[in-house]
Amino acid sequence: MKIKVKVKVIAGAKKKAIEQLPDGGLKVHLTAVREKNKANQQLIELLAEHYGVAKSRVEIIKGKLASQKVLEIIK
């Protein structure tokens, strides 16, 4: 089963956190900065843990360089 999730990323936060937004998307706070793909890597790790899947089952399909992203999670 594939799930598409809209995500608003806040990079460089003091602590990692995931918030549910009213529109069904997620707001994800990351401690990593937006350099050398570090924030995207941490986002994939955090969402894989949140959904209980392997990191290889989480993919950014839109917005790799933006704060608004769409990810696909294969359960």
Protein backbone atom coordinates (compact mmCIF):
# COMPACT_ATOMS: atom_id res chain seq x y z
CA MET A 1 0.00 0.00 0.00
CA LYS A 2 1.37 3.42 -0.99
CA ILE A 3 0.66 6.52 1.10
CA LYS A 4 1.33 10.07 -0.11
CA VAL A 5 2.03 12.58 2.63
CA LYS A 6 2.33 16.37 2.33
CA VAL A 7 5.06 17.67 4.61
CA LYS A 8 6.14 21.14 5.73
CA VAL A 9 9.76 20.95 6.89
CA ILE A 10 11.33 23.23 9.49
CA ALA A 11 15.09 22.61 9.30
CA GLY A 12 17.53 23.70 12.02
CA ALA A 13 15.03 23.28 14.88
CA LYS A 14 16.14 22.68 18.48
CA LYS A 15 14.52 19.24 18.60
CA LYS A 16 12.95 16.73 16.22
CA ALA A 17 9.15 16.61 16.22
CA ILE A 18 6.20 15.67 14.01
CA GLU A 19 2.92 17.61 14.18
CA GLN A 20 -0.35 16.72 12.47
CA LEU A 21 -1.80 19.62 10.46
CA PRO A 22 -5.56 20.24 10.03
CA ASP A 23 -5.32 19.57 6.27
CA GLY A 24 -4.04 16.03 6.93
CA GLY A 25 -0.40 16.87 6.22
CA LEU A 26 2.52 16.90 8.62
CA LYS A 27 4.77 19.62 9.98
CA VAL A 28 8.18 18.12 10.71
CA HIS A 29 10.85 19.86 12.79
CA LEU A 30 14.39 18.68 12.03
CA THR A 31 17.63 19.42 13.84
CA ALA A 32 19.63 18.95 10.62
CA VAL A 33 20.38 21.92 8.39
CA ARG A 34 19.62 22.24 4.68
CA GLU A 35 23.15 21.50 3.53
CA LYS A 36 24.36 18.52 1.51
CA ASN A 37 20.93 16.84 1.72
CA LYS A 38 21.23 16.39 5.52
CA ALA A 39 17.69 17.63 6.27
CA ASN A 40 16.15 15.35 3.62
CA GLN A 41 18.05 12.36 5.00
CA GLN A 42 16.88 13.11 8.53
CA LEU A 43 13.31 13.60 7.27
CA ILE A 44 13.33 10.16 5.63
CA GLU A 45 14.77 8.56 8.78
CA LEU A 46 12.20 10.24 11.04
CA LEU A 47 9.20 9.38 8.86
CA ALA A 48 10.39 5.79 8.39
CA GLU A 49 10.52 5.43 12.17
CA HIS A 50 7.13 7.18 12.57
CA TYR A 51 5.40 4.86 10.08
CA GLY A 52 7.33 1.75 11.10
CA VAL A 53 8.92 1.08 7.71
CA ALA A 54 12.46 0.84 6.34
CA LYS A 55 14.13 4.04 5.10
CA SER A 56 14.20 2.54 1.61
CA ARG A 57 10.38 2.59 1.62
CA VAL A 58 10.21 6.40 2.03
CA GLU A 59 10.83 8.60 -1.00
CA ILE A 60 10.58 12.34 -1.62
CA ILE A 61 8.62 12.65 -4.86
CA LYS A 62 8.16 16.46 -4.92
CA GLY A 63 10.05 19.35 -3.38
CA LYS A 64 13.52 17.93 -2.75
CA LEU A 65 14.90 21.49 -2.52
CA ALA A 66 11.81 23.13 -0.97
CA SER A 67 10.32 23.23 2.52
CA GLN A 68 6.98 21.94 1.16
CA LYS A 69 7.40 18.31 0.13
CA VAL A 70 5.34 15.32 -0.93
CA LEU A 71 6.61 11.94 0.19
CA GLU A 72 5.54 8.45 -0.78
CA ILE A 73 5.61 5.76 1.88
CA ILE A 74 5.24 2.10 0.93
CA LYS A 75 3.79 -0.01 3.74
